[in-house]
Protein backbone atom coordinates (compact mmCIF):
# COMPACT_ATOMS: atom_id res chain seq x y z
CA UNK A 1 -0.40 -3.34 9.75
CA UNK A 2 -2.88 -0.76 10.95
CA UNK A 3 -6.19 -0.30 9.16
CA UNK A 4 -7.76 2.84 7.80
CA UNK A 5 -11.54 3.23 8.02
CA UNK A 6 -12.43 6.34 5.98
CA UNK A 7 -11.46 7.93 2.68
CA UNK A 8 -10.53 11.14 4.52
CA UNK A 9 -8.16 9.26 6.80
CA UNK A 10 -6.63 7.54 3.77
CA UNK A 11 -6.17 10.83 1.89
CA UNK A 12 -4.43 12.37 4.92
CA UNK A 13 -2.19 9.33 5.38
CA UNK A 14 -1.10 9.29 1.72
CA UNK A 15 -0.53 13.05 1.59
CA UNK A 16 1.46 13.32 4.83
CA UNK A 17 3.97 10.46 4.60
CA UNK A 18 7.41 10.68 3.01
CA UNK A 19 7.06 7.10 1.80
CA UNK A 20 3.98 4.99 2.42
CA UNK A 21 2.27 1.81 1.34
CA UNK A 22 -1.46 1.25 1.03
CA UNK A 23 -2.54 -2.39 0.93
CA UNK A 24 -6.07 -2.70 -0.44
CA UNK A 25 -7.97 -5.94 0.15
CA UNK A 26 -11.39 -7.46 0.70
CA UNK A 27 -12.45 -9.87 3.46
CA UNK A 28 -13.36 -12.71 1.07
CA UNK A 29 -10.15 -12.48 -0.98
CA UNK A 30 -7.92 -15.51 -0.34
CA UNK A 31 -5.08 -14.01 -2.39
CA UNK A 32 -5.24 -10.90 -0.19
CA UNK A 33 -5.06 -12.99 2.97
CA UNK A 34 -2.04 -14.87 1.60
CA UNK A 35 -0.21 -11.76 0.42
CA UNK A 36 -0.70 -9.56 3.50
CA UNK A 37 1.69 -11.49 5.80
CA UNK A 38 4.33 -11.49 3.03
CA UNK A 39 4.06 -7.71 2.65
CA UNK A 40 4.18 -7.26 6.43
CA UNK A 41 7.33 -9.42 6.64
CA UNK A 42 8.93 -7.43 3.83
CA UNK A 43 8.14 -4.16 5.59
CA UNK A 44 10.18 -5.30 8.59
CA UNK A 45 13.21 -4.53 6.38
CA UNK A 46 11.97 -0.95 5.96
CA UNK A 47 10.85 0.30 9.39
CA UNK A 48 10.77 3.92 8.21
CA UNK A 49 8.05 3.16 5.64
CA UNK A 50 4.53 3.61 6.99
CA UNK A 51 1.90 1.12 5.81
CA UNK A 52 -1.86 0.87 6.16
CA UNK A 53 -4.45 -1.68 5.14
CA UNK A 54 -7.75 -0.67 3.55
CA UNK A 55 -10.85 -2.83 3.22
CA UNK A 56 -12.32 -1.96 -0.19
CA UNK A 57 -15.75 -3.15 0.99
CA UNK A 58 -15.64 -0.74 3.94
CA UNK A 59 -14.39 2.20 1.83
CA UNK A 60 -15.92 1.77 -1.63
CA UNK A 61 -14.78 5.30 -2.61
CA UNK A 62 -11.26 3.89 -2.96
CA UNK A 63 -12.21 2.62 -6.42
CA UNK A 64 -12.85 6.13 -7.74
CA UNK A 65 -10.31 8.12 -5.74
CA UNK A 66 -7.39 5.70 -6.11
CA UNK A 67 -8.46 3.82 -9.29
CA UNK A 68 -8.42 0.45 -7.52
CA UNK A 69 -10.56 -1.93 -9.55
CA UNK A 70 -9.24 -5.25 -8.25
CA UNK A 71 -7.67 -6.59 -5.08
CA UNK A 72 -5.17 -7.14 -3.70
CA UNK A 73 -3.56 -3.85 -4.62
CA UNK A 74 -0.32 -2.43 -3.28
CA UNK A 75 0.13 1.31 -3.79
CA UNK A 76 3.28 3.22 -2.86
CA UNK A 77 3.13 6.97 -2.31
CA UNK A 78 5.43 9.80 -1.37
CA UNK A 79 3.73 12.99 -0.14
CA UNK A 80 0.58 12.21 -2.13
CA UNK A 81 2.34 11.26 -5.36
CA UNK A 82 1.90 7.69 -6.56
CA UNK A 83 5.26 6.04 -7.25
CA UNK A 84 4.37 2.37 -7.78
CA UNK A 85 1.29 0.20 -8.15
CA UNK A 86 0.68 -3.51 -8.45
CA UNK A 87 -2.69 -5.22 -8.36
CA UNK A 88 -4.01 -8.76 -8.45
CA UNK A 89 -0.56 -10.39 -8.84
CA UNK A 90 2.04 -8.74 -6.62
CA UNK A 91 5.49 -10.36 -6.87
CA UNK A 92 7.22 -9.89 -3.52
CA UNK A 93 10.67 -9.78 -5.15
CA UNK A 94 9.64 -6.93 -7.44
CA UNK A 95 7.99 -5.10 -4.54
CA UNK A 96 11.19 -5.46 -2.51
CA UNK A 97 13.28 -4.04 -5.37
CA UNK A 98 10.95 -1.05 -5.71
CA UNK A 99 10.92 -0.40 -1.97
CA UNK A 100 14.72 -0.55 -1.79
CA UNK A 101 15.10 1.84 -4.73
CA UNK A 102 12.43 4.29 -3.55
CA UNK A 103 13.58 4.18 0.07
CA UNK A 104 17.13 4.99 -1.02
CA UNK A 105 15.97 7.82 -3.28
CA UNK A 106 13.62 9.37 -0.71
CA UNK A 107 16.16 9.18 2.11
CA UNK A 108 18.99 10.58 -0.03
CA UNK A 109 16.92 13.62 -1.08
């Protein structure tokens, strides 16, 4: 998963994609490091969904702009509109269900 290094780059990414995932983490977060490979594996089922990782320590503005107060956080957007959010505890099964539903809806529109 590619990384984003500025709030401007993140805003552009979220606003421009039909369906996108933002994975917010911190370097010292063991839960983040355990969850990231699971999310990446899940995304292999959805190659049309763009995903980016954001280091909350590197981009502290993410807390205010995206209301991310804890990590890990998984945010799903479509053209700048937030569709789904999970933070701290992110069940992969629930994330998969949401991705399947949203992917179907977005691609059918």
